[in-house]
Amino acid sequence: MPHYFFDIDDHDLSHRDDEGSEWPDRDAARAHAMRVLADIARDEARRQDRLNLFVTIRDERRAILGVASLAVACTWVD
């Protein structure tokens, strides 16, 4: 099974995944990256008005395959 690495960046903190995990294919790795974004946003959105999150997906050679991103913001209009 392919091995993927998921590096997390929110512009304040970065985490480089040195362990990685196995996923059946690129679609499963992409879905995992999207779940990671949702989990982080759920926790961090309570503390911040604006989030810009990124998960970089790398393969076993550490080559970048893709980047999943999520932007969350709340702006009052009054």
N, C-alpha and C. Protein backbone atom coordinates (compact mmCIF):
# COMPACT_ATOMS: atom_id res chain seq x y z
N MET A 1 0.84 -1.17 0.00
CA MET A 1 0.00 0.00 0.00
C MET A 1 0.89 1.24 0.00
N PRO A 2 0.55 2.26 -0.78
CA PRO A 2 1.37 3.47 -0.85
C PRO A 2 1.45 4.21 0.48
N HIS A 3 2.58 4.84 0.71
CA HIS A 3 2.85 5.60 1.92
C HIS A 3 2.80 7.09 1.59
N TYR A 4 2.03 7.84 2.37
CA TYR A 4 1.87 9.28 2.14
C TYR A 4 2.23 10.05 3.41
N PHE A 5 2.65 11.29 3.21
CA PHE A 5 2.99 12.20 4.30
C PHE A 5 2.10 13.43 4.18
N PHE A 6 1.65 13.95 5.33
CA PHE A 6 0.71 15.06 5.34
C PHE A 6 1.27 16.18 6.21
N ASP A 7 1.84 17.19 5.58
CA ASP A 7 2.41 18.33 6.29
C ASP A 7 1.32 19.38 6.48
N ILE A 8 1.26 19.96 7.67
CA ILE A 8 0.21 20.91 8.01
C ILE A 8 0.81 22.30 8.20
N ASP A 9 0.14 23.31 7.63
CA ASP A 9 0.59 24.70 7.76
C ASP A 9 -0.64 25.58 7.95
N ASP A 10 -0.61 26.38 9.00
CA ASP A 10 -1.70 27.34 9.21
C ASP A 10 -1.17 28.77 9.28
N HIS A 11 -0.01 29.02 8.78
CA HIS A 11 0.69 30.31 8.74
C HIS A 11 1.21 30.75 10.10
N ASP A 12 0.73 30.17 11.18
CA ASP A 12 1.30 30.45 12.51
C ASP A 12 2.18 29.30 12.93
N LEU A 13 1.72 28.11 12.69
CA LEU A 13 2.46 26.90 13.07
C LEU A 13 2.53 25.96 11.88
N SER A 14 3.61 25.23 11.80
CA SER A 14 3.76 24.23 10.76
C SER A 14 4.13 22.91 11.40
N HIS A 15 3.65 21.84 10.81
CA HIS A 15 4.01 20.51 11.28
C HIS A 15 4.40 19.66 10.08
N ARG A 16 5.62 19.18 10.10
CA ARG A 16 6.09 18.29 9.03
C ARG A 16 5.89 16.86 9.48
N ASP A 17 5.17 16.10 8.68
CA ASP A 17 4.88 14.70 8.98
C ASP A 17 6.09 13.85 8.60
N ASP A 18 6.80 13.34 9.59
CA ASP A 18 7.97 12.51 9.32
C ASP A 18 7.66 11.02 9.37
N GLU A 19 6.47 10.66 9.86
CA GLU A 19 6.08 9.25 9.94
C GLU A 19 5.28 8.81 8.73
N GLY A 20 4.29 9.59 8.36
CA GLY A 20 3.42 9.24 7.26
C GLY A 20 2.47 8.12 7.63
N SER A 21 1.65 7.73 6.65
CA SER A 21 0.71 6.63 6.85
C SER A 21 0.35 6.03 5.50
N GLU A 22 -0.16 4.82 5.56
CA GLU A 22 -0.49 4.10 4.33
C GLU A 22 -1.95 4.32 3.97
N TRP A 23 -2.19 4.56 2.68
CA TRP A 23 -3.52 4.73 2.14
C TRP A 23 -3.59 3.96 0.83
N PRO A 24 -4.74 3.42 0.49
CA PRO A 24 -4.83 2.56 -0.69
C PRO A 24 -4.47 3.24 -2.02
N ASP A 25 -4.78 4.56 -2.11
CA ASP A 25 -4.52 5.27 -3.36
C ASP A 25 -4.56 6.78 -3.11
N ARG A 26 -4.34 7.53 -4.18
CA ARG A 26 -4.30 8.99 -4.07
C ARG A 26 -5.64 9.57 -3.63
N ASP A 27 -6.75 8.97 -4.08
CA ASP A 27 -8.06 9.47 -3.68
C ASP A 27 -8.27 9.32 -2.18
N ALA A 28 -7.83 8.21 -1.61
CA ALA A 28 -7.95 8.00 -0.16
C ALA A 28 -7.04 8.99 0.59
N ALA A 29 -5.85 9.24 0.07
CA ALA A 29 -4.94 10.21 0.68
C ALA A 29 -5.55 11.62 0.62
N ARG A 30 -6.17 11.96 -0.50
CA ARG A 30 -6.82 13.27 -0.64
C ARG A 30 -7.95 13.39 0.36
N ALA A 31 -8.77 12.37 0.50
CA ALA A 31 -9.89 12.40 1.45
C ALA A 31 -9.37 12.56 2.89
N HIS A 32 -8.27 11.90 3.19
CA HIS A 32 -7.67 12.05 4.53
C HIS A 32 -7.21 13.48 4.76
N ALA A 33 -6.56 14.08 3.78
CA ALA A 33 -6.11 15.48 3.90
C ALA A 33 -7.30 16.40 4.14
N MET A 34 -8.40 16.16 3.46
CA MET A 34 -9.59 17.00 3.64
C MET A 34 -10.18 16.82 5.04
N ARG A 35 -10.16 15.60 5.58
CA ARG A 35 -10.64 15.37 6.94
C ARG A 35 -9.74 16.07 7.96
N VAL A 36 -8.43 16.05 7.71
CA VAL A 36 -7.50 16.75 8.60
C VAL A 36 -7.82 18.24 8.64
N LEU A 37 -8.06 18.83 7.47
CA LEU A 37 -8.43 20.25 7.41
C LEU A 37 -9.69 20.52 8.21
N ALA A 38 -10.71 19.69 8.04
CA ALA A 38 -11.97 19.88 8.76
C ALA A 38 -11.77 19.76 10.26
N ASP A 39 -10.98 18.79 10.70
CA ASP A 39 -10.72 18.61 12.13
C ASP A 39 -10.01 19.81 12.73
N ILE A 40 -9.00 20.31 12.04
CA ILE A 40 -8.27 21.48 12.53
C ILE A 40 -9.19 22.70 12.58
N ALA A 41 -9.96 22.91 11.52
CA ALA A 41 -10.86 24.06 11.46
C ALA A 41 -11.88 24.00 12.58
N ARG A 42 -12.41 22.83 12.86
CA ARG A 42 -13.39 22.68 13.94
C ARG A 42 -12.80 23.11 15.28
N ASP A 43 -11.55 22.75 15.54
CA ASP A 43 -10.90 23.10 16.80
C ASP A 43 -10.46 24.57 16.84
N GLU A 44 -9.86 25.04 15.77
CA GLU A 44 -9.25 26.37 15.75
C GLU A 44 -10.23 27.51 15.49
N ALA A 45 -11.34 27.25 14.82
CA ALA A 45 -12.29 28.32 14.48
C ALA A 45 -12.90 28.95 15.73
N ARG A 46 -12.92 28.22 16.82
CA ARG A 46 -13.45 28.78 18.07
C ARG A 46 -12.53 29.85 18.64
N ARG A 47 -11.25 29.79 18.29
CA ARG A 47 -10.26 30.70 18.88
C ARG A 47 -9.85 31.84 17.96
N GLN A 48 -10.15 31.72 16.66
CA GLN A 48 -9.68 32.71 15.70
C GLN A 48 -10.81 33.14 14.78
N ASP A 49 -10.74 34.38 14.30
CA ASP A 49 -11.74 34.89 13.35
C ASP A 49 -11.42 34.49 11.92
N ARG A 50 -10.17 34.14 11.67
CA ARG A 50 -9.75 33.84 10.30
C ARG A 50 -8.73 32.72 10.32
N LEU A 51 -8.94 31.74 9.45
CA LEU A 51 -8.01 30.61 9.33
C LEU A 51 -7.67 30.40 7.86
N ASN A 52 -6.42 30.13 7.58
CA ASN A 52 -5.97 29.69 6.26
C ASN A 52 -5.13 28.45 6.50
N LEU A 53 -5.70 27.31 6.19
CA LEU A 53 -5.06 26.03 6.48
C LEU A 53 -4.63 25.33 5.20
N PHE A 54 -3.49 24.63 5.28
CA PHE A 54 -2.97 23.89 4.14
C PHE A 54 -2.46 22.53 4.61
N VAL A 55 -2.73 21.51 3.83
CA VAL A 55 -2.13 20.19 4.05
C VAL A 55 -1.43 19.81 2.75
N THR A 56 -0.11 19.67 2.82
CA THR A 56 0.67 19.26 1.66
C THR A 56 0.81 17.74 1.70
N ILE A 57 0.45 17.10 0.61
CA ILE A 57 0.50 15.64 0.51
C ILE A 57 1.76 15.25 -0.24
N ARG A 58 2.61 14.43 0.41
CA ARG A 58 3.85 13.96 -0.22
C ARG A 58 3.83 12.44 -0.34
N ASP A 59 4.57 11.92 -1.31
CA ASP A 59 4.66 10.47 -1.49
C ASP A 59 5.86 9.91 -0.75
N GLU A 60 6.11 8.60 -0.92
CA GLU A 60 7.21 7.94 -0.19
C GLU A 60 8.59 8.48 -0.56
N ARG A 61 8.71 9.12 -1.71
CA ARG A 61 9.98 9.76 -2.09
C ARG A 61 10.06 11.19 -1.57
N ARG A 62 9.01 11.59 -0.84
CA ARG A 62 8.87 12.93 -0.27
C ARG A 62 8.56 13.99 -1.33
N ALA A 63 8.18 13.55 -2.52
CA ALA A 63 7.79 14.49 -3.58
C ALA A 63 6.37 14.99 -3.32
N ILE A 64 6.13 16.27 -3.54
CA ILE A 64 4.81 16.85 -3.32
C ILE A 64 3.87 16.39 -4.43
N LEU A 65 2.73 15.83 -4.00
CA LEU A 65 1.71 15.38 -4.93
C LEU A 65 0.58 16.39 -5.07
N GLY A 66 0.28 17.08 -3.98
CA GLY A 66 -0.82 18.03 -4.01
C GLY A 66 -0.91 18.81 -2.72
N VAL A 67 -1.77 19.83 -2.75
CA VAL A 67 -2.00 20.66 -1.57
C VAL A 67 -3.51 20.83 -1.40
N ALA A 68 -4.00 20.46 -0.23
CA ALA A 68 -5.40 20.71 0.13
C ALA A 68 -5.43 21.97 0.97
N SER A 69 -6.43 22.82 0.76
CA SER A 69 -6.48 24.07 1.52
C SER A 69 -7.91 24.39 1.94
N LEU A 70 -8.00 25.20 2.98
CA LEU A 70 -9.29 25.61 3.50
C LEU A 70 -9.13 26.99 4.12
N ALA A 71 -10.00 27.92 3.74
CA ALA A 71 -10.01 29.26 4.34
C ALA A 71 -11.35 29.42 5.04
N VAL A 72 -11.29 29.90 6.29
CA VAL A 72 -12.47 30.12 7.10
C VAL A 72 -12.37 31.51 7.70
N ALA A 73 -13.44 32.30 7.58
CA ALA A 73 -13.40 33.65 8.14
C ALA A 73 -14.80 34.07 8.57
N CYS A 74 -14.85 34.95 9.55
CA CYS A 74 -16.09 35.58 9.98
C CYS A 74 -15.82 37.08 10.11
N THR A 75 -16.59 37.86 9.41
CA THR A 75 -16.45 39.32 9.46
C THR A 75 -17.81 39.93 9.78
N TRP A 76 -17.84 40.71 10.84
CA TRP A 76 -19.08 41.38 11.20
C TRP A 76 -19.33 42.53 10.25
N VAL A 77 -20.57 42.77 9.87
CA VAL A 77 -20.89 43.81 8.90
C VAL A 77 -21.45 45.08 9.55
N ASP A 78 -21.61 45.10 10.84
CA ASP A 78 -22.13 46.31 11.48
C ASP A 78 -21.04 47.19 12.03
